[in-house]
Amino acid sequence: MPRWETGSKERLKKAALELFAERGFEDTSVVEIAERARVTTRTFFRYFLDKREVLFAETDHLREVLVGRLLDAPDVADPLQAVMQALTGFDWSGLTLQRQRHAVIAANPGLLERDLIKNHDIVVEFTEILRQRGVEAQAARLATAVGTQVFLTAYGQWLESGETASLTELSDTVLVILKSLMPADRAKI
């Protein structure tokens, strides 16, 4: 295997996702991923701790970017809107890779649990940021929980249907649906 070949990390991600789709996460080994990517297992471990990390390697960076977007939001007077803008303003490109990743995670309870924990960590951090910026505790928790769920619903729609609409547009549509579930007379409660 030539030492000068570049793009090893991306090839490893692509190979892993292909193999996970073909064989399942549990039935795919690190050796097979490395072979498909035309690298050594040593190269694999230079980039990833284990095969799960192929799916979650970018989540810390994602969390930092999303948290930064909320910290930099010019206004949190409408905390739900601030949360939505932080989530939808990120460049969620790579629909095909996102779909593959989502399918692998959804099919494996251990991976799904890890994904839910990472999402929960973002919710906790968003709530704390809103609190630090003067939003009342209960409103901060609710805005973060609702905003995240609205976004995840739109994100799921985007993944499953191959929507050409942006995540912002899809999230706005989901938010309209949510508001329609609460009749005006009940909103006064």
C-alpha atoms as a PDB file:
ATOM      1  CA  MET A   1       0.000   0.000   0.000  1.00  0.00           C
ATOM      2  CA  PRO A   2       1.607   3.256  -1.080  1.00  0.00           C
ATOM      3  CA  ARG A   3       2.489   5.690   1.668  1.00  0.00           C
ATOM      4  CA  TRP A   4       1.859   8.723  -0.497  1.00  0.00           C
ATOM      5  CA  GLU A   5      -1.824   8.087  -1.155  1.00  0.00           C
ATOM      6  CA  THR A   6      -3.859  10.896   0.378  1.00  0.00           C
ATOM      7  CA  GLY A   7      -7.398  11.040   1.700  1.00  0.00           C
ATOM      8  CA  SER A   8      -7.064   8.029   3.981  1.00  0.00           C
ATOM      9  CA  LYS A   9      -9.520   9.278   6.581  1.00  0.00           C
ATOM     10  CA  GLU A  10     -12.237   9.980   4.013  1.00  0.00           C
ATOM     11  CA  ARG A  11     -11.649   6.643   2.298  1.00  0.00           C
ATOM     12  CA  LEU A  12     -11.898   4.888   5.664  1.00  0.00           C
ATOM     13  CA  LYS A  13     -15.221   6.610   6.397  1.00  0.00           C
ATOM     14  CA  LYS A  14     -16.577   5.732   2.970  1.00  0.00           C
ATOM     15  CA  ALA A  15     -15.385   2.121   3.199  1.00  0.00           C
ATOM     16  CA  ALA A  16     -16.827   1.701   6.683  1.00  0.00           C
ATOM     17  CA  LEU A  17     -20.235   3.070   5.698  1.00  0.00           C
ATOM     18  CA  GLU A  18     -20.336   0.834   2.621  1.00  0.00           C
ATOM     19  CA  LEU A  19     -19.423  -2.246   4.647  1.00  0.00           C
ATOM     20  CA  PHE A  20     -21.833  -1.388   7.456  1.00  0.00           C
ATOM     21  CA  ALA A  21     -24.608  -1.105   4.851  1.00  0.00           C
ATOM     22  CA  GLU A  22     -23.622  -4.381   3.150  1.00  0.00           C
ATOM     23  CA  ARG A  23     -22.864  -6.553   6.186  1.00  0.00           C
ATOM     24  CA  GLY A  24     -24.151  -4.699   9.200  1.00  0.00           C
ATOM     25  CA  PHE A  25     -22.157  -2.890  11.835  1.00  0.00           C
ATOM     26  CA  GLU A  26     -21.556  -5.924  14.046  1.00  0.00           C
ATOM     27  CA  ASP A  27     -20.380  -8.122  11.164  1.00  0.00           C
ATOM     28  CA  THR A  28     -17.797  -5.656   9.867  1.00  0.00           C
ATOM     29  CA  SER A  29     -14.247  -5.681  11.198  1.00  0.00           C
ATOM     30  CA  VAL A  30     -11.620  -2.965  11.307  1.00  0.00           C
ATOM     31  CA  VAL A  31      -9.406  -5.150   9.110  1.00  0.00           C
ATOM     32  CA  GLU A  32     -12.124  -5.285   6.436  1.00  0.00           C
ATOM     33  CA  ILE A  33     -12.616  -1.524   6.590  1.00  0.00           C
ATOM     34  CA  ALA A  34      -8.877  -0.919   6.212  1.00  0.00           C
ATOM     35  CA  GLU A  35      -8.621  -3.357   3.307  1.00  0.00           C
ATOM     36  CA  ARG A  36     -11.545  -1.737   1.489  1.00  0.00           C
ATOM     37  CA  ALA A  37      -9.969   1.698   2.004  1.00  0.00           C
ATOM     38  CA  ARG A  38      -6.583   0.397   0.790  1.00  0.00           C
ATOM     39  CA  VAL A  39      -4.762   1.256   4.018  1.00  0.00           C
ATOM     40  CA  THR A  40      -3.294  -0.712   6.898  1.00  0.00           C
ATOM     41  CA  THR A  41      -5.105  -1.311  10.168  1.00  0.00           C
ATOM     42  CA  ARG A  42      -2.432   0.838  11.753  1.00  0.00           C
ATOM     43  CA  THR A  43      -3.573   3.715   9.548  1.00  0.00           C
ATOM     44  CA  PHE A  44      -7.164   3.045  10.617  1.00  0.00           C
ATOM     45  CA  PHE A  45      -6.188   3.365  14.270  1.00  0.00           C
ATOM     46  CA  ARG A  46      -4.282   6.552  13.562  1.00  0.00           C
ATOM     47  CA  TYR A  47      -7.624   8.168  12.726  1.00  0.00           C
ATOM     48  CA  PHE A  48     -10.161   6.243  14.818  1.00  0.00           C
ATOM     49  CA  LEU A  49     -10.127   4.525  18.210  1.00  0.00           C
ATOM     50  CA  ASP A  50     -12.522   1.842  16.983  1.00  0.00           C
ATOM     51  CA  LYS A  51     -15.113   1.291  14.275  1.00  0.00           C
ATOM     52  CA  ARG A  52     -17.800   3.186  16.230  1.00  0.00           C
ATOM     53  CA  GLU A  53     -15.655   6.299  16.022  1.00  0.00           C
ATOM     54  CA  VAL A  54     -16.035   6.287  12.241  1.00  0.00           C
ATOM     55  CA  LEU A  55     -19.676   7.217  12.867  1.00  0.00           C
ATOM     56  CA  PHE A  56     -19.059   9.643  15.732  1.00  0.00           C
ATOM     57  CA  ALA A  57     -15.673  11.193  14.948  1.00  0.00           C
ATOM     58  CA  GLU A  58     -17.177  14.503  13.889  1.00  0.00           C
ATOM     59  CA  THR A  59     -19.695  14.880  16.727  1.00  0.00           C
ATOM     60  CA  ASP A  60     -17.400  16.819  19.053  1.00  0.00           C
ATOM     61  CA  HIS A  61     -16.677  19.314  16.286  1.00  0.00           C
ATOM     62  CA  LEU A  62     -20.393  19.475  15.476  1.00  0.00           C
ATOM     63  CA  ARG A  63     -21.245  20.160  19.122  1.00  0.00           C
ATOM     64  CA  GLU A  64     -18.626  22.924  19.301  1.00  0.00           C
ATOM     65  CA  VAL A  65     -19.955  24.578  16.147  1.00  0.00           C
ATOM     66  CA  LEU A  66     -23.601  24.371  17.241  1.00  0.00           C
ATOM     67  CA  VAL A  67     -22.804  25.671  20.724  1.00  0.00           C
ATOM     68  CA  GLY A  68     -20.775  28.475  19.165  1.00  0.00           C
ATOM     69  CA  ARG A  69     -23.703  29.401  16.931  1.00  0.00           C
ATOM     70  CA  LEU A  70     -26.002  29.722  19.951  1.00  0.00           C
ATOM     71  CA  LEU A  71     -23.395  31.651  21.934  1.00  0.00           C
ATOM     72  CA  ASP A  72     -23.013  34.046  18.991  1.00  0.00           C
ATOM     73  CA  ALA A  73     -26.756  34.464  18.426  1.00  0.00           C
ATOM     74  CA  PRO A  74     -27.455  38.204  18.490  1.00  0.00           C
ATOM     75  CA  ASP A  75     -30.671  37.773  20.439  1.00  0.00           C
ATOM     76  CA  VAL A  76     -32.247  35.076  22.594  1.00  0.00           C
ATOM     77  CA  ALA A  77     -35.434  36.978  23.478  1.00  0.00           C
ATOM     78  CA  ASP A  78     -37.199  34.230  21.511  1.00  0.00           C
ATOM     79  CA  PRO A  79     -35.207  31.255  22.815  1.00  0.00           C
ATOM     80  CA  LEU A  80     -36.966  28.725  20.586  1.00  0.00           C
ATOM     81  CA  GLN A  81     -36.050  30.752  17.507  1.00  0.00           C
ATOM     82  CA  ALA A  82     -32.446  31.089  18.725  1.00  0.00           C
ATOM     83  CA  VAL A  83     -32.170  27.302  19.156  1.00  0.00           C
ATOM     84  CA  MET A  84     -33.722  26.678  15.738  1.00  0.00           C
ATOM     85  CA  GLN A  85     -31.355  29.119  14.044  1.00  0.00           C
ATOM     86  CA  ALA A  86     -28.332  27.556  15.734  1.00  0.00           C
ATOM     87  CA  LEU A  87     -29.341  24.100  14.522  1.00  0.00           C
ATOM     88  CA  THR A  88     -30.532  24.929  11.019  1.00  0.00           C
ATOM     89  CA  GLY A  89     -27.733  27.357  10.194  1.00  0.00           C
ATOM     90  CA  PHE A  90     -25.101  24.618  10.192  1.00  0.00           C
ATOM     91  CA  ASP A  91     -24.031  23.209   6.820  1.00  0.00           C
ATOM     92  CA  TRP A  92     -25.670  19.780   6.931  1.00  0.00           C
ATOM     93  CA  SER A  93     -24.399  18.849   3.464  1.00  0.00           C
ATOM     94  CA  GLY A  94     -23.596  15.347   2.368  1.00  0.00           C
ATOM     95  CA  LEU A  95     -27.097  13.881   2.228  1.00  0.00           C
ATOM     96  CA  THR A  96     -25.909  10.481   1.001  1.00  0.00           C
ATOM     97  CA  LEU A  97     -23.333  10.081   3.776  1.00  0.00           C
ATOM     98  CA  GLN A  98     -25.786  11.421   6.363  1.00  0.00           C
ATOM     99  CA  ARG A  99     -28.366   8.855   5.211  1.00  0.00           C
ATOM    100  CA  GLN A 100     -25.874   6.001   5.404  1.00  0.00           C
ATOM    101  CA  ARG A 101     -24.721   7.055   8.858  1.00  0.00           C
ATOM    102  CA  HIS A 102     -28.297   7.431  10.102  1.00  0.00           C
ATOM    103  CA  ALA A 103     -29.289   3.981   8.786  1.00  0.00           C
ATOM    104  CA  VAL A 104     -26.343   2.279  10.495  1.00  0.00           C
ATOM    105  CA  ILE A 105     -27.025   4.020  13.808  1.00  0.00           C
ATOM    106  CA  ALA A 106     -30.778   3.353  13.679  1.00  0.00           C
ATOM    107  CA  ALA A 107     -30.158  -0.380  13.129  1.00  0.00           C
ATOM    108  CA  ASN A 108     -27.890  -0.817  16.155  1.00  0.00           C
ATOM    109  CA  PRO A 109     -29.224  -0.211  19.694  1.00  0.00           C
ATOM    110  CA  GLY A 110     -25.765   0.521  21.119  1.00  0.00           C
ATOM    111  CA  LEU A 111     -25.014   3.098  18.441  1.00  0.00           C
ATOM    112  CA  LEU A 112     -28.476   4.607  18.778  1.00  0.00           C
ATOM    113  CA  GLU A 113     -27.940   4.953  22.519  1.00  0.00           C
ATOM    114  CA  ARG A 114     -24.630   6.706  21.936  1.00  0.00           C
ATOM    115  CA  ASP A 115     -26.226   9.044  19.380  1.00  0.00           C
ATOM    116  CA  LEU A 116     -29.044   9.890  21.801  1.00  0.00           C
ATOM    117  CA  ILE A 117     -26.530  10.628  24.557  1.00  0.00           C
ATOM    118  CA  LYS A 118     -24.587  12.954  22.268  1.00  0.00           C
ATOM    119  CA  ASN A 119     -27.825  14.720  21.284  1.00  0.00           C
ATOM    120  CA  HIS A 120     -28.745  15.000  24.958  1.00  0.00           C
ATOM    121  CA  ASP A 121     -25.368  16.586  25.687  1.00  0.00           C
ATOM    122  CA  ILE A 122     -26.131  19.283  23.114  1.00  0.00           C
ATOM    123  CA  VAL A 123     -29.561  19.882  24.684  1.00  0.00           C
ATOM    124  CA  VAL A 124     -27.984  20.278  28.126  1.00  0.00           C
ATOM    125  CA  GLU A 125     -25.361  22.668  26.789  1.00  0.00           C
ATOM    126  CA  PHE A 126     -27.919  24.713  24.840  1.00  0.00           C
ATOM    127  CA  THR A 127     -30.095  24.981  27.952  1.00  0.00           C
ATOM    128  CA  GLU A 128     -27.157  26.220  30.005  1.00  0.00           C
ATOM    129  CA  ILE A 129     -26.230  28.800  27.366  1.00  0.00           C
ATOM    130  CA  LEU A 130     -29.782  30.147  27.301  1.00  0.00           C
ATOM    131  CA  ARG A 131     -29.749  30.320  31.114  1.00  0.00           C
ATOM    132  CA  GLN A 132     -26.455  32.226  31.073  1.00  0.00           C
ATOM    133  CA  ARG A 133     -27.944  34.640  28.565  1.00  0.00           C
ATOM    134  CA  GLY A 134     -30.866  35.450  30.849  1.00  0.00           C
ATOM    135  CA  VAL A 135     -33.579  33.021  29.780  1.00  0.00           C
ATOM    136  CA  GLU A 136     -35.597  31.638  32.701  1.00  0.00           C
ATOM    137  CA  ALA A 137     -34.697  28.001  33.528  1.00  0.00           C
ATOM    138  CA  GLN A 138     -37.966  26.336  32.563  1.00  0.00           C
ATOM    139  CA  ALA A 139     -38.257  28.373  29.354  1.00  0.00           C
ATOM    140  CA  ALA A 140     -34.650  27.506  28.469  1.00  0.00           C
ATOM    141  CA  ARG A 141     -35.244  23.767  28.989  1.00  0.00           C
ATOM    142  CA  LEU A 142     -38.490  23.811  27.029  1.00  0.00           C
ATOM    143  CA  ALA A 143     -37.137  25.916  24.148  1.00  0.00           C
ATOM    144  CA  THR A 144     -34.124  23.648  23.818  1.00  0.00           C
ATOM    145  CA  ALA A 145     -36.120  20.410  24.032  1.00  0.00           C
ATOM    146  CA  VAL A 146     -38.809  21.572  21.606  1.00  0.00           C
ATOM    147  CA  GLY A 147     -36.368  23.213  19.203  1.00  0.00           C
ATOM    148  CA  THR A 148     -34.172  20.143  19.108  1.00  0.00           C
ATOM    149  CA  GLN A 149     -37.136  17.836  18.529  1.00  0.00           C
ATOM    150  CA  VAL A 150     -38.517  20.053  15.769  1.00  0.00           C
ATOM    151  CA  PHE A 151     -35.100  20.024  14.122  1.00  0.00           C
ATOM    152  CA  LEU A 152     -34.663  16.248  14.503  1.00  0.00           C
ATOM    153  CA  THR A 153     -38.091  15.688  12.956  1.00  0.00           C
ATOM    154  CA  ALA A 154     -37.160  17.886   9.991  1.00  0.00           C
ATOM    155  CA  TYR A 155     -33.739  16.232   9.762  1.00  0.00           C
ATOM    156  CA  GLY A 156     -35.364  12.794   9.658  1.00  0.00           C
ATOM    157  CA  GLN A 157     -37.695  13.970   6.900  1.00  0.00           C
ATOM    158  CA  TRP A 158     -34.719  15.364   4.984  1.00  0.00           C
ATOM    159  CA  LEU A 159     -32.852  12.054   5.276  1.00  0.00           C
ATOM    160  CA  GLU A 160     -35.750   9.761   4.488  1.00  0.00           C
ATOM    161  CA  SER A 161     -37.299  11.580   1.579  1.00  0.00           C
ATOM    162  CA  GLY A 162     -34.305  13.126  -0.123  1.00  0.00           C
ATOM    163  CA  GLU A 163     -35.891  16.518   0.261  1.00  0.00           C
ATOM    164  CA  THR A 164     -34.452  19.287  -1.831  1.00  0.00           C
ATOM    165  CA  ALA A 165     -35.792  21.823   0.639  1.00  0.00           C
ATOM    166  CA  SER A 166     -33.332  23.205   3.143  1.00  0.00           C
ATOM    167  CA  LEU A 167     -33.390  22.077   6.738  1.00  0.00           C
ATOM    168  CA  THR A 168     -34.476  25.596   7.666  1.00  0.00           C
ATOM    169  CA  GLU A 169     -37.538  25.294   5.422  1.00  0.00           C
ATOM    170  CA  LEU A 170     -38.347  21.815   6.692  1.00  0.00           C
ATOM    171  CA  SER A 171     -37.903  22.919  10.315  1.00  0.00           C
ATOM    172  CA  ASP A 172     -40.199  25.896   9.730  1.00  0.00           C
ATOM    173  CA  THR A 173     -42.826  23.526   8.309  1.00  0.00           C
ATOM    174  CA  VAL A 174     -42.523  21.189  11.302  1.00  0.00           C
ATOM    175  CA  LEU A 175     -42.847  24.181  13.648  1.00  0.00           C
ATOM    176  CA  VAL A 176     -46.056  25.242  11.872  1.00  0.00           C
ATOM    177  CA  ILE A 177     -47.418  21.713  12.323  1.00  0.00           C
ATOM    178  CA  LEU A 178     -46.476  21.802  16.004  1.00  0.00           C
ATOM    179  CA  LYS A 179     -48.264  25.120  16.474  1.00  0.00           C
ATOM    180  CA  SER A 180     -51.353  23.721  14.726  1.00  0.00           C
ATOM    181  CA  LEU A 181     -51.525  20.982  17.352  1.00  0.00           C
ATOM    182  CA  MET A 182     -52.142  23.630  20.004  1.00  0.00           C
ATOM    183  CA  PRO A 183     -55.450  25.375  19.247  1.00  0.00           C
ATOM    184  CA  ALA A 184     -55.501  29.101  19.995  1.00  0.00           C
ATOM    185  CA  ASP A 185     -57.952  28.723  22.889  1.00  0.00           C
ATOM    186  CA  ARG A 186     -55.683  26.108  24.545  1.00  0.00           C
ATOM    187  CA  ALA A 187     -52.616  28.291  24.088  1.00  0.00           C
ATOM    188  CA  LYS A 188     -54.039  30.655  26.726  1.00  0.00           C
ATOM    189  CA  ILE A 189     -53.817  28.009  29.449  1.00  0.00           C
END
